[in-house]
PDB file of N, CA and C in Angstrom:
ATOM      1  N   HIS A   1       0.784  -1.159   0.103  1.00  0.00           N
ATOM      2  CA  HIS A   1       0.010   0.086   0.087  1.00  0.00           C
ATOM      3  C   HIS A   1       0.791   1.302   0.004  1.00  0.00           C
ATOM      4  N   ILE A   2       1.959   1.227   0.712  1.00  0.00           N
ATOM      5  CA  ILE A   2       2.893   2.280   0.870  1.00  0.00           C
ATOM      6  C   ILE A   2       3.450   2.428  -0.461  1.00  0.00           C
ATOM      7  N   ASN A   3       3.795   1.356  -1.135  1.00  0.00           N
ATOM      8  CA  ASN A   3       4.542   1.303  -2.452  1.00  0.00           C
ATOM      9  C   ASN A   3       3.756   2.189  -3.505  1.00  0.00           C
ATOM     10  N   ILE A   4       2.442   2.088  -3.524  1.00  0.00           N
ATOM     11  CA  ILE A   4       1.630   2.709  -4.530  1.00  0.00           C
ATOM     12  C   ILE A   4       2.009   4.377  -4.255  1.00  0.00           C
ATOM     13  N   LEU A   5       1.709   4.631  -3.060  1.00  0.00           N
ATOM     14  CA  LEU A   5       2.038   6.075  -2.601  1.00  0.00           C
ATOM     15  C   LEU A   5       3.375   6.653  -3.153  1.00  0.00           C
ATOM     16  N   LEU A   6       4.453   5.828  -2.738  1.00  0.00           N
ATOM     17  CA  LEU A   6       5.748   6.081  -2.928  1.00  0.00           C
ATOM     18  C   LEU A   6       5.986   6.225  -4.619  1.00  0.00           C
ATOM     19  N   SER A   7       5.432   5.444  -5.292  1.00  0.00           N
ATOM     20  CA  SER A   7       5.671   5.362  -6.829  1.00  0.00           C
ATOM     21  C   SER A   7       4.957   6.774  -7.370  1.00  0.00           C
ATOM     22  N   SER A   8       3.616   6.923  -6.892  1.00  0.00           N
ATOM     23  CA  SER A   8       2.908   8.027  -7.372  1.00  0.00           C
ATOM     24  C   SER A   8       3.743   9.421  -7.100  1.00  0.00           C
ATOM     25  N   TRP A   9       4.199   9.439  -5.726  1.00  0.00           N
ATOM     26  CA  TRP A   9       5.168  10.467  -5.362  1.00  0.00           C
ATOM     27  C   TRP A   9       6.342  10.735  -6.278  1.00  0.00           C
ATOM     28  N   VAL A  10       6.936   9.647  -6.703  1.00  0.00           N
ATOM     29  CA  VAL A  10       8.225   9.645  -7.563  1.00  0.00           C
ATOM     30  C   VAL A  10       7.753  10.217  -8.816  1.00  0.00           C
ATOM     31  N   GLU A  11       6.626   9.680  -9.459  1.00  0.00           N
ATOM     32  CA  GLU A  11       6.197  10.259 -10.703  1.00  0.00           C
ATOM     33  C   GLU A  11       5.856  11.693 -10.733  1.00  0.00           C
ATOM     34  N   PHE A  12       5.242  12.048  -9.479  1.00  0.00           N
ATOM     35  CA  PHE A  12       4.819  13.479  -9.311  1.00  0.00           C
ATOM     36  C   PHE A  12       6.157  14.480  -9.378  1.00  0.00           C
ATOM     37  N   MET A  13       7.150  13.808  -8.591  1.00  0.00           N
ATOM     38  CA  MET A  13       8.477  14.601  -8.643  1.00  0.00           C
ATOM     39  C   MET A  13       9.203  14.758  -9.954  1.00  0.00           C
ATOM     40  N   HIS A  14       9.078  13.482 -10.791  1.00  0.00           N
ATOM     41  CA  HIS A  14       9.639  13.626 -12.003  1.00  0.00           C
ATOM     42  C   HIS A  14       8.886  14.566 -12.861  1.00  0.00           C
ATOM     43  N   PHE A  15       7.630  14.801 -12.715  1.00  0.00           N
ATOM     44  CA  PHE A  15       6.875  15.708 -13.476  1.00  0.00           C
ATOM     45  C   PHE A  15       7.344  17.138 -13.185  1.00  0.00           C
ATOM     46  N   ILE A  16       7.393  17.448 -11.911  1.00  0.00           N
ATOM     47  CA  ILE A  16       7.865  18.763 -11.442  1.00  0.00           C
ATOM     48  C   ILE A  16       9.225  19.005 -11.954  1.00  0.00           C
ATOM     49  N   ILE A  17      10.162  18.040 -11.922  1.00  0.00           N
ATOM     50  CA  ILE A  17      11.487  18.350 -12.389  1.00  0.00           C
ATOM     51  C   ILE A  17      11.516  18.488 -13.994  1.00  0.00           C
ATOM     52  N   MET A  18      10.628  17.966 -14.514  1.00  0.00           N
ATOM     53  CA  MET A  18      10.528  18.044 -16.108  1.00  0.00           C
ATOM     54  C   MET A  18      10.022  19.461 -16.442  1.00  0.00           C
ATOM     55  N   LEU A  19       9.123  19.943 -15.576  1.00  0.00           N
ATOM     56  CA  LEU A  19       8.616  21.335 -15.902  1.00  0.00           C
ATOM     57  C   LEU A  19       9.648  22.272 -15.570  1.00  0.00           C
ATOM     58  N   PHE A  20      10.314  22.058 -14.548  1.00  0.00           N
ATOM     59  CA  PHE A  20      11.485  23.076 -14.206  1.00  0.00           C
ATOM     60  C   PHE A  20      12.483  23.024 -15.421  1.00  0.00           C
ATOM     61  N   ASP A  21      12.853  21.879 -15.830  1.00  0.00           N
ATOM     62  CA  ASP A  21      13.905  21.819 -16.967  1.00  0.00           C
ATOM     63  C   ASP A  21      13.373  22.547 -18.145  1.00  0.00           C
ATOM     64  N   VAL A  22      11.939  22.411 -18.485  1.00  0.00           N
ATOM     65  CA  VAL A  22      11.400  22.990 -19.815  1.00  0.00           C
ATOM     66  C   VAL A  22      11.354  24.571 -19.476  1.00  0.00           C
ATOM     67  N   LYS A  23      11.099  24.988 -18.190  1.00  0.00           N
ATOM     68  CA  LYS A  23      11.036  26.379 -17.891  1.00  0.00           C
ATOM     69  C   LYS A  23      12.365  26.919 -17.923  1.00  0.00           C
ATOM     70  N   SER A  24      13.455  26.298 -17.450  1.00  0.00           N
ATOM     71  CA  SER A  24      14.760  26.870 -17.608  1.00  0.00           C
ATOM     72  C   SER A  24      15.288  27.076 -18.977  1.00  0.00           C
ATOM     73  N   ILE A  25      14.697  25.929 -19.830  1.00  0.00           N
ATOM     74  CA  ILE A  25      15.252  26.074 -21.236  1.00  0.00           C
ATOM     75  C   ILE A  25      14.611  27.270 -21.909  1.00  0.00           C
ATOM     76  N   VAL A  26      13.261  27.357 -21.650  1.00  0.00           N
ATOM     77  CA  VAL A  26      12.580  28.566 -22.165  1.00  0.00           C
ATOM     78  C   VAL A  26      13.242  29.906 -21.769  1.00  0.00           C
ATOM     79  N   VAL A  27      13.492  29.944 -20.390  1.00  0.00           N
ATOM     80  CA  VAL A  27      14.009  31.217 -19.878  1.00  0.00           C
ATOM     81  C   VAL A  27      15.392  31.618 -20.494  1.00  0.00           C
ATOM     82  N   ASN A  28      16.316  30.571 -20.700  1.00  0.00           N
ATOM     83  CA  ASN A  28      17.562  30.533 -20.971  1.00  0.00           C
ATOM     84  C   ASN A  28      17.758  30.881 -22.664  1.00  0.00           C
ATOM     85  N   LYS A  29      16.691  30.423 -23.349  1.00  0.00           N
ATOM     86  CA  LYS A  29      16.677  30.670 -24.836  1.00  0.00           C
ATOM     87  C   LYS A  29      16.547  32.088 -25.095  1.00  0.00           C
ATOM     88  N   PRO A  30      17.348  32.661 -25.926  1.00  0.00           N
ATOM     89  CA  PRO A  30      17.356  34.068 -26.500  1.00  0.00           C
ATOM     90  C   PRO A  30      16.114  34.477 -27.182  1.00  0.00           C
ATOM     91  N   ILE A  31      15.551  35.561 -26.859  1.00  0.00           N
ATOM     92  CA  ILE A  31      14.383  36.026 -27.589  1.00  0.00           C
ATOM     93  C   ILE A  31      14.736  36.427 -29.077  1.00  0.00           C
ATOM     94  N   GLY A  32      13.703  35.812 -29.872  1.00  0.00           N
ATOM     95  CA  GLY A  32      13.897  36.313 -31.317  1.00  0.00           C
ATOM     96  C   GLY A  32      14.558  35.268 -32.217  1.00  0.00           C
ATOM     97  N   THR A  33      14.847  34.075 -31.580  1.00  0.00           N
ATOM     98  CA  THR A  33      15.486  33.069 -32.417  1.00  0.00           C
ATOM     99  C   THR A  33      14.404  32.014 -32.963  1.00  0.00           C
TER     100      THR A  33
END
């Protein structure tokens, strides 16, 4: 039962990390290219 909660938490953290990666890429990308 705890394994399901842990796996869902890991997936959630992966989603958050992916969002931050995309956000940093967009922010670091020069405007107008």
